[in-house]
Protein backbone atom coordinates (compact mmCIF):
# COMPACT_ATOMS: atom_id res chain seq x y z
CA MET A 1 0.00 0.00 0.00
CA VAL A 2 1.22 3.50 -0.82
CA GLN A 3 1.90 5.66 2.22
CA LYS A 4 -0.36 8.72 2.37
CA ARG A 5 -0.66 11.86 4.46
CA ILE A 6 -2.62 15.07 4.31
CA ASP A 7 -0.62 17.48 2.16
CA HIS A 8 -2.52 20.71 2.80
CA VAL A 9 -5.83 22.27 3.78
CA GLY A 10 -7.08 25.12 1.58
CA ILE A 11 -8.92 28.00 3.21
CA ILE A 12 -10.66 30.64 1.11
CA VAL A 13 -10.15 34.07 2.69
CA ARG A 14 -11.33 37.63 2.12
CA ASP A 15 -8.16 39.35 3.35
CA ILE A 16 -4.96 37.37 2.81
CA GLU A 17 -2.74 39.96 4.56
CA LYS A 18 -4.82 39.89 7.74
CA THR A 19 -5.00 36.10 7.65
CA ILE A 20 -1.24 35.66 7.14
CA ARG A 21 -0.59 37.94 10.13
CA PHE A 22 -3.01 35.93 12.26
CA TYR A 23 -1.57 32.53 11.37
CA THR A 24 2.05 33.66 11.77
CA ASN A 25 1.74 35.93 14.83
CA ILE A 26 -0.97 34.10 16.79
CA VAL A 27 -0.96 30.46 15.70
CA GLY A 28 2.80 30.24 15.13
CA LEU A 29 2.87 29.02 11.52
CA GLU A 30 5.57 30.32 9.20
CA LEU A 31 4.93 31.78 5.76
CA LYS A 32 6.67 29.38 3.39
CA GLN A 33 5.62 30.75 0.02
CA ARG A 34 3.39 33.41 -1.49
CA LEU A 35 2.43 33.68 -5.14
CA THR A 36 -0.17 34.66 -7.70
CA HIS A 37 -1.94 31.74 -9.35
CA THR A 38 -1.30 31.19 -13.05
CA ASN A 39 -4.79 32.59 -13.73
CA GLY A 40 -3.51 35.98 -12.53
CA ILE A 41 -6.43 36.35 -10.10
CA PHE A 42 -5.97 34.12 -7.08
CA GLN A 43 -3.45 35.12 -4.43
CA LEU A 44 -2.00 32.11 -2.65
CA ALA A 45 0.01 31.73 0.54
CA PHE A 46 1.38 28.49 1.97
CA LEU A 47 2.08 28.24 5.69
CA GLY A 48 3.59 25.43 7.73
CA PHE A 49 5.81 24.49 10.64
CA ASN A 50 9.58 24.08 10.90
CA GLY A 51 10.32 24.51 7.19
CA LYS A 52 8.92 21.06 6.43
CA ASP A 53 6.85 20.10 3.40
CA GLU A 54 4.17 18.49 5.55
CA THR A 55 0.54 19.35 6.12
CA GLU A 56 0.45 22.96 5.02
CA ILE A 57 -2.30 25.54 5.22
CA GLU A 58 -3.02 27.14 1.84
CA LEU A 59 -4.75 30.53 1.92
CA ILE A 60 -6.66 31.47 -1.24
CA GLN A 61 -7.86 35.02 -1.90
CA GLY A 62 -9.91 35.94 -4.97
CA TYR A 63 -11.68 32.62 -5.50
CA ASN A 64 -15.04 33.66 -4.07
CA ASP A 65 -15.97 36.79 -2.13
CA GLN A 66 -19.39 35.38 -1.15
CA LEU A 67 -18.19 33.49 1.91
CA PRO A 68 -20.46 32.27 4.71
CA ASN A 69 -20.10 33.90 8.14
CA GLU A 70 -18.93 30.68 9.76
CA GLY A 71 -15.81 30.42 7.59
CA THR A 72 -14.85 28.14 4.75
CA VAL A 73 -13.81 25.11 6.80
CA HIS A 74 -15.20 24.03 10.15
CA HIS A 75 -11.84 23.31 11.75
CA PHE A 76 -8.41 21.85 11.37
CA ALA A 77 -6.22 20.56 14.16
CA ILE A 78 -2.66 21.45 15.08
CA TYR A 79 -0.79 18.88 17.14
CA VAL A 80 1.00 20.24 20.21
CA GLU A 81 3.18 18.37 22.71
CA ASP A 82 2.08 20.45 25.73
CA ILE A 83 -1.57 21.51 25.47
CA GLU A 84 -1.51 23.50 28.71
CA ALA A 85 1.55 25.52 27.70
CA GLU A 86 -0.06 26.33 24.33
CA PHE A 87 -3.36 27.26 26.00
CA HIS A 88 -1.56 29.71 28.31
CA ARG A 89 0.62 31.09 25.50
CA LEU A 90 -2.46 31.89 23.42
CA LYS A 91 -4.24 33.45 26.41
CA ASP A 92 -1.51 36.16 26.28
CA THR A 93 -2.45 37.06 22.68
CA GLU A 94 -5.54 38.58 21.09
CA ALA A 95 -6.74 35.10 20.07
CA GLN A 96 -10.48 34.62 20.49
CA PHE A 97 -11.18 31.41 22.38
CA ILE A 98 -14.17 29.23 21.55
CA ASP A 99 -13.45 26.98 24.53
CA GLU A 100 -12.99 28.41 28.02
CA ASP A 101 -11.05 25.35 29.14
CA ILE A 102 -9.10 22.41 27.74
CA THR A 103 -11.35 19.41 27.05
CA THR A 104 -10.16 15.89 27.85
CA LEU A 105 -11.74 13.01 25.93
CA PRO A 106 -12.28 9.54 27.44
CA ASN A 107 -9.21 8.26 25.54
CA GLY A 108 -7.02 10.93 27.18
CA TYR A 109 -6.71 13.17 24.11
CA ARG A 110 -6.96 16.87 25.00
CA TYR A 111 -7.97 19.88 22.93
CA PHE A 112 -9.29 23.42 22.75
CA PHE A 113 -10.46 25.71 19.93
CA ILE A 114 -9.79 29.30 18.95
CA SER A 115 -11.43 31.26 16.15
CA GLY A 116 -9.52 32.26 13.02
CA PRO A 117 -9.97 35.59 11.22
CA GLU A 118 -12.51 34.13 8.75
CA GLY A 119 -14.58 32.37 11.42
CA GLU A 120 -12.86 29.01 10.98
CA TRP A 121 -12.15 26.98 14.09
CA ILE A 122 -8.56 26.07 14.91
CA GLU A 123 -8.13 23.12 17.22
CA PHE A 124 -4.99 22.64 19.30
CA PHE A 125 -4.74 18.92 19.97
CA GLN A 126 -2.59 16.69 22.17
CA ARG A 127 -2.76 12.91 21.94
C-alpha cells in the first residue's frame, strides 16, 4: 500500500494579509511561500511548521468573495506536545477562544479551539 498523508488544507479568505498575520503571529505558523496563481487572479500563501513540506495551510484570496459567516472550513487541528503551555501562551495574545477550558476526551486526548480571522475553528490537539 502506498503511504499517504494530508498534504494541505485550503482556506478561502477575504483578506490574505490579515489572515497571514493571524496565522504567523498568533498560531505560530511560518509563511513558506506566497504567489499569484497562473490565472492571474488568485493570491495564494502556503504556511507550515519548521520549514517542512508536511501538512500545510493554503490561503486562497480571490476565489469567491461570497463566503459564509462561519468560515470556509469548520476546523483543522494542530498537534501540540504540551496543550496546557499552548493554552496559556495563546491566552496572552488577542486570540479569540471558543473553549474556556481544555477538554479531555475519554481516551485521554486533550484539545481546545480558537477562532480564526474568517470564522474558521482552529483546534490545538494533544494525543
